[in-house]
Amino acid sequence: MRTTLLALLFAPLLLSPASADSINFLLNNGDATLDAFAGTDGPYANVNVNLLNARVARITVTGLSSDGYRWLIGGPDSVDLNIDAARWRIGPIAELNRFRGFREGPARNGGRDLSISEFGAFDQTLNSTDGYARSAERVSFLLRSTSILWLSAADVLEPNDLGFLAAVHVFACPNPCRFRAGDVAAVSGYASNSIGGGIPSPSSVPGPIAGAGIPGLIAALGIIGLARRRRARAAKLIQTKAPALPSGTSRR
């Protein structure tokens, strides 16, 4: 009877195809430069992590409109991520800017950077050509893990030593946004996620890898516990690394 029940329980998992899941989170924590610029408080960009299968995720970073500006992505360390894997490959990288006068990219793999403004080290960065004139509305690329299986989209990124998942270098383009020779951004700076909220929850739960059969099921069962332990460690890290606030202030 027990064998029959187990077979009935796991049969749908063995036969089900893989399904993608995704998370979104805002980069609404500006650095000192953005904070000092009058009248702006973000959010500056949205990060979407879309898990296509257990080893491949698509990252899409989109500049947002807020405070009367369109926030465009570009320049050195234009996109910065802290990845929960020992080894990975990145690319191809696609950029888009539909506003008049801009000519986006191209962006290139910038490797690791130990100091992204006040947000600390990130182990994957992108460097975009030039600056404001070559900035983008949206940057999208694939991450391919060569060292670990990701159980869900929430497993792709992990907090760095200061508790940040991602950062972006943005330029403020006044609405209506367009570029003419000699134009400069109203301000530029870096933004990251607010810390203290943990890693966002996935919007759906992925199935096992299509065609994986028994080995795929075993791998999936094995990494469930690992993923739970990683999330528990990340939550503990965020709590311990979050900087104390002066009395009478609140975190955005």
Protein backbone atom coordinates (compact mmCIF):
# COMPACT_ATOMS: atom_id res chain seq x y z
CA MET A 1 0.00 0.00 0.00
CA ARG A 2 2.79 2.44 0.91
CA THR A 3 4.56 1.76 -2.40
CA THR A 4 1.35 2.39 -4.31
CA LEU A 5 0.71 5.66 -2.50
CA LEU A 6 4.24 6.88 -3.18
CA ALA A 7 3.91 5.98 -6.85
CA LEU A 8 0.64 7.91 -7.10
CA LEU A 9 2.16 10.86 -5.29
CA PHE A 10 5.29 11.18 -7.44
CA ALA A 11 3.93 10.13 -10.84
CA PRO A 12 2.62 13.61 -11.73
CA LEU A 13 6.00 15.10 -10.82
CA LEU A 14 7.88 12.67 -13.01
CA LEU A 15 5.68 13.38 -16.00
CA SER A 16 5.11 17.13 -15.63
CA PRO A 17 7.09 19.53 -17.85
CA ALA A 18 9.23 22.31 -16.44
CA SER A 19 7.46 25.59 -15.73
CA ALA A 20 9.07 29.00 -15.33
CA ASP A 21 8.50 31.21 -12.34
CA SER A 22 9.52 34.78 -11.65
CA ILE A 23 9.99 37.43 -9.00
CA ASN A 24 10.03 41.23 -9.16
CA PHE A 25 11.56 43.72 -6.76
CA LEU A 26 12.22 47.45 -6.79
CA LEU A 27 15.51 49.32 -6.64
CA ASN A 28 14.20 52.21 -4.53
CA ASN A 29 17.16 52.89 -2.24
CA GLY A 30 19.18 55.75 -3.74
CA ASP A 31 22.80 56.51 -2.87
CA ALA A 32 23.88 59.80 -1.30
CA THR A 33 23.91 61.58 -4.68
CA LEU A 34 20.35 60.60 -5.54
CA ASP A 35 19.14 61.28 -1.99
CA ALA A 36 20.63 64.79 -2.09
CA PHE A 37 18.98 65.65 -5.42
CA ALA A 38 15.91 67.74 -4.64
CA GLY A 39 12.50 66.20 -5.18
CA THR A 40 13.47 62.62 -6.02
CA ASP A 41 12.76 59.58 -3.91
CA GLY A 42 12.44 56.73 -6.43
CA PRO A 43 11.69 53.99 -7.16
CA TYR A 44 14.35 54.03 -9.86
CA ALA A 45 14.17 50.58 -11.48
CA ASN A 46 12.45 47.20 -11.35
CA VAL A 47 14.29 43.87 -11.45
CA ASN A 48 12.56 40.79 -12.87
CA VAL A 49 14.14 37.36 -12.37
CA ASN A 50 12.47 34.77 -14.60
CA LEU A 51 13.63 31.19 -14.03
CA LEU A 52 13.40 29.37 -17.36
CA ASN A 53 14.72 26.07 -16.03
CA ALA A 54 16.87 24.86 -13.14
CA ARG A 55 20.04 26.32 -14.67
CA VAL A 56 18.90 29.29 -16.76
CA ALA A 57 17.31 32.56 -15.65
CA ARG A 58 16.48 35.70 -17.61
CA ILE A 59 17.22 38.96 -15.79
CA THR A 60 15.37 42.08 -16.94
CA VAL A 61 16.08 45.48 -15.37
CA THR A 62 13.71 48.31 -16.35
CA GLY A 63 14.12 51.99 -15.53
CA LEU A 64 10.97 53.54 -14.06
CA SER A 65 9.23 56.90 -14.20
CA SER A 66 9.03 58.75 -10.89
CA ASP A 67 9.40 62.25 -9.48
CA GLY A 68 8.99 63.81 -12.94
CA TYR A 69 11.93 61.90 -14.47
CA ARG A 70 12.48 58.78 -16.52
CA TRP A 71 15.35 56.85 -14.98
CA LEU A 72 17.64 55.41 -17.67
CA ILE A 73 20.26 52.69 -17.11
CA GLY A 74 23.84 53.05 -18.30
CA GLY A 75 27.46 53.93 -17.72
CA PRO A 76 29.95 51.99 -15.58
CA ASP A 77 28.45 49.22 -13.43
CA SER A 78 25.11 49.84 -15.11
CA VAL A 79 23.61 46.62 -13.71
CA ASP A 80 25.01 44.77 -10.69
CA LEU A 81 23.91 41.44 -9.22
CA ASN A 82 24.91 39.13 -6.40
CA ILE A 83 24.38 35.61 -7.74
CA ASP A 84 23.73 32.49 -5.68
CA ALA A 85 26.11 30.21 -7.59
CA ALA A 86 29.83 29.52 -7.63
CA ARG A 87 30.11 29.66 -11.43
CA TRP A 88 27.90 30.95 -14.25
CA ARG A 89 27.87 32.34 -17.77
CA ILE A 90 26.16 35.53 -18.91
CA GLY A 91 24.73 36.64 -22.22
CA PRO A 92 23.60 37.59 -24.70
CA ILE A 93 22.88 41.09 -23.40
CA ALA A 94 20.10 43.19 -24.98
CA GLU A 95 19.39 46.88 -24.37
CA LEU A 96 16.48 49.03 -25.48
CA ASN A 97 15.87 52.80 -25.56
CA ARG A 98 12.94 54.09 -27.62
CA PHE A 99 13.30 57.75 -26.61
CA ARG A 100 14.31 60.22 -29.32
CA GLY A 101 18.01 60.89 -29.74
CA PHE A 102 19.38 58.07 -27.59
CA ARG A 103 21.47 55.21 -28.97
CA GLU A 104 21.68 52.47 -26.39
CA GLY A 105 24.64 50.22 -25.55
CA PRO A 106 26.24 47.96 -26.12
CA ALA A 107 26.71 46.62 -22.59
CA ARG A 108 29.53 44.22 -21.76
CA ASN A 109 30.34 41.79 -18.98
CA GLY A 110 32.09 43.81 -16.28
CA GLY A 111 32.95 40.90 -13.98
CA ARG A 112 33.10 41.44 -10.21
CA ASP A 113 33.23 44.86 -8.58
CA LEU A 114 34.15 45.25 -4.92
CA SER A 115 32.67 48.72 -4.45
CA ILE A 116 29.39 49.81 -6.06
CA SER A 117 28.80 53.21 -4.47
CA GLU A 118 27.69 52.62 -0.86
CA PHE A 119 26.12 49.24 -1.62
CA GLY A 120 29.28 47.10 -1.41
CA ALA A 121 30.53 44.29 -3.62
CA PHE A 122 28.57 42.52 -6.37
CA ASP A 123 29.89 39.46 -8.14
CA GLN A 124 28.40 40.24 -11.57
CA THR A 125 28.33 43.67 -13.21
CA LEU A 126 27.64 45.09 -16.66
CA ASN A 127 29.47 48.08 -18.15
CA SER A 128 27.60 50.11 -20.77
CA THR A 129 29.28 52.16 -23.47
CA ASP A 130 29.68 55.90 -22.78
CA GLY A 131 27.07 57.37 -20.44
CA TYR A 132 23.82 59.29 -20.68
CA ALA A 133 23.69 59.39 -24.50
CA ARG A 134 24.01 55.59 -24.69
CA SER A 135 21.76 54.73 -21.75
CA ALA A 136 18.80 52.34 -21.95
CA GLU A 137 15.23 52.00 -20.77
CA ARG A 138 15.67 48.27 -20.28
CA VAL A 139 18.53 45.79 -20.02
CA SER A 140 17.93 42.04 -20.36
CA PHE A 141 20.25 39.03 -20.37
CA LEU A 142 20.50 35.33 -19.55
CA LEU A 143 22.32 33.80 -16.60
CA ARG A 144 23.38 30.16 -16.97
CA SER A 145 24.47 28.39 -13.80
CA THR A 146 27.31 25.90 -14.30
CA SER A 147 27.61 24.94 -10.63
CA ILE A 148 24.17 24.67 -8.99
CA LEU A 149 20.50 23.98 -9.67
CA TRP A 150 18.07 26.80 -8.86
CA LEU A 151 14.83 25.50 -7.40
CA SER A 152 12.95 28.79 -7.87
CA ALA A 153 13.48 32.33 -9.11
CA ALA A 154 14.06 33.41 -5.50
CA ASP A 155 17.19 31.21 -5.42
CA VAL A 156 19.00 32.94 -8.32
CA LEU A 157 20.18 35.97 -6.32
CA GLU A 158 21.41 36.24 -2.76
CA PRO A 159 22.21 39.26 -0.55
CA ASN A 160 25.77 40.53 -0.57
CA ASP A 161 27.63 41.24 2.68
CA LEU A 162 25.60 44.42 3.19
CA GLY A 163 22.26 42.78 2.39
CA PHE A 164 21.76 44.01 -1.20
CA LEU A 165 20.60 41.77 -4.06
CA ALA A 166 21.13 44.12 -7.01
CA ALA A 167 22.06 47.67 -7.93
CA VAL A 168 21.80 49.90 -10.98
CA HIS A 169 23.45 53.07 -12.30
CA VAL A 170 20.77 55.48 -13.45
CA PHE A 171 20.46 58.84 -15.21
CA ALA A 172 17.52 61.21 -14.66
CA CYS A 173 15.92 62.25 -17.96
CA PRO A 174 13.25 64.99 -17.57
CA ASN A 175 9.82 64.12 -18.96
CA PRO A 176 9.21 64.17 -21.89
CA CYS A 177 12.49 62.28 -22.23
CA ARG A 178 14.64 62.93 -25.32
CA PHE A 179 18.32 63.56 -26.08
CA ARG A 180 19.93 66.32 -28.12
CA ALA A 181 23.66 66.95 -28.63
CA GLY A 182 25.16 68.49 -25.53
CA ASP A 183 22.38 67.36 -23.18
CA VAL A 184 23.36 66.05 -19.76
CA ALA A 185 21.33 64.13 -17.22
CA ALA A 186 19.68 66.07 -14.42
CA VAL A 187 21.52 63.75 -12.00
CA SER A 188 23.10 60.31 -12.04
CA GLY A 189 23.79 57.84 -9.26
CA TYR A 190 23.32 54.32 -7.99
CA ALA A 191 20.25 52.67 -6.49
CA SER A 192 19.68 49.31 -4.83
CA ASN A 193 16.93 47.40 -3.07
CA SER A 194 15.81 48.33 0.42
CA ILE A 195 17.13 45.81 2.94
CA GLY A 196 15.18 44.14 5.69
CA GLY A 197 12.42 42.61 3.57
CA GLY A 198 14.24 39.44 2.56
CA ILE A 199 14.27 37.78 -0.85
CA PRO A 200 10.93 38.19 -2.71
CA SER A 201 8.70 35.13 -2.91
CA PRO A 202 8.28 33.49 -6.34
CA SER A 203 5.02 33.99 -8.18
CA SER A 204 4.71 30.25 -8.89
CA VAL A 205 6.45 26.99 -8.06
CA PRO A 206 8.39 25.31 -10.90
CA GLY A 207 7.97 21.66 -11.80
CA PRO A 208 10.82 19.19 -12.26
CA ILE A 209 12.97 19.40 -15.37
CA ALA A 210 11.19 17.94 -18.40
CA GLY A 211 12.45 14.49 -19.27
CA ALA A 212 14.53 14.22 -16.10
CA GLY A 213 12.66 11.18 -14.77
CA ILE A 214 13.86 9.60 -11.52
CA PRO A 215 17.25 11.44 -11.50
CA GLY A 216 15.46 14.75 -11.90
CA LEU A 217 13.08 13.92 -9.05
CA ILE A 218 15.97 12.94 -6.79
CA ALA A 219 17.81 16.15 -7.64
CA ALA A 220 14.68 18.22 -7.01
CA LEU A 221 14.05 16.58 -3.64
CA GLY A 222 17.69 17.02 -2.71
CA ILE A 223 17.82 20.73 -3.45
CA ILE A 224 14.55 21.58 -1.69
CA GLY A 225 16.27 21.36 1.67
CA LEU A 226 19.32 23.21 0.34
CA ALA A 227 17.19 26.05 -1.00
CA ARG A 228 15.35 26.36 2.31
CA ARG A 229 18.64 26.53 4.20
CA ARG A 230 19.97 29.20 1.80
CA ARG A 231 16.87 31.35 2.28
CA ALA A 232 17.08 30.97 6.06
CA ARG A 233 20.74 32.04 6.00
CA ALA A 234 19.90 34.99 3.72
CA ALA A 235 17.12 36.18 6.05
CA LYS A 236 19.45 35.92 9.04
CA LEU A 237 22.17 37.82 7.15
CA ILE A 238 19.79 40.64 6.23
CA GLN A 239 18.72 41.00 9.87
CA THR A 240 22.28 41.08 11.17
CA LYS A 241 23.72 43.30 8.43
CA ALA A 242 20.97 45.93 8.30
CA PRO A 243 22.59 49.16 9.58
CA ALA A 244 21.05 50.74 12.66
CA LEU A 245 19.07 53.92 12.06
CA PRO A 246 19.40 57.06 14.17
CA SER A 247 16.62 57.65 16.67
CA GLY A 248 13.53 59.21 15.13
CA THR A 249 14.25 58.08 11.55
CA SER A 250 12.73 55.33 9.45
CA ARG A 251 14.00 53.21 6.56
CA ARG A 252 12.42 53.73 3.21
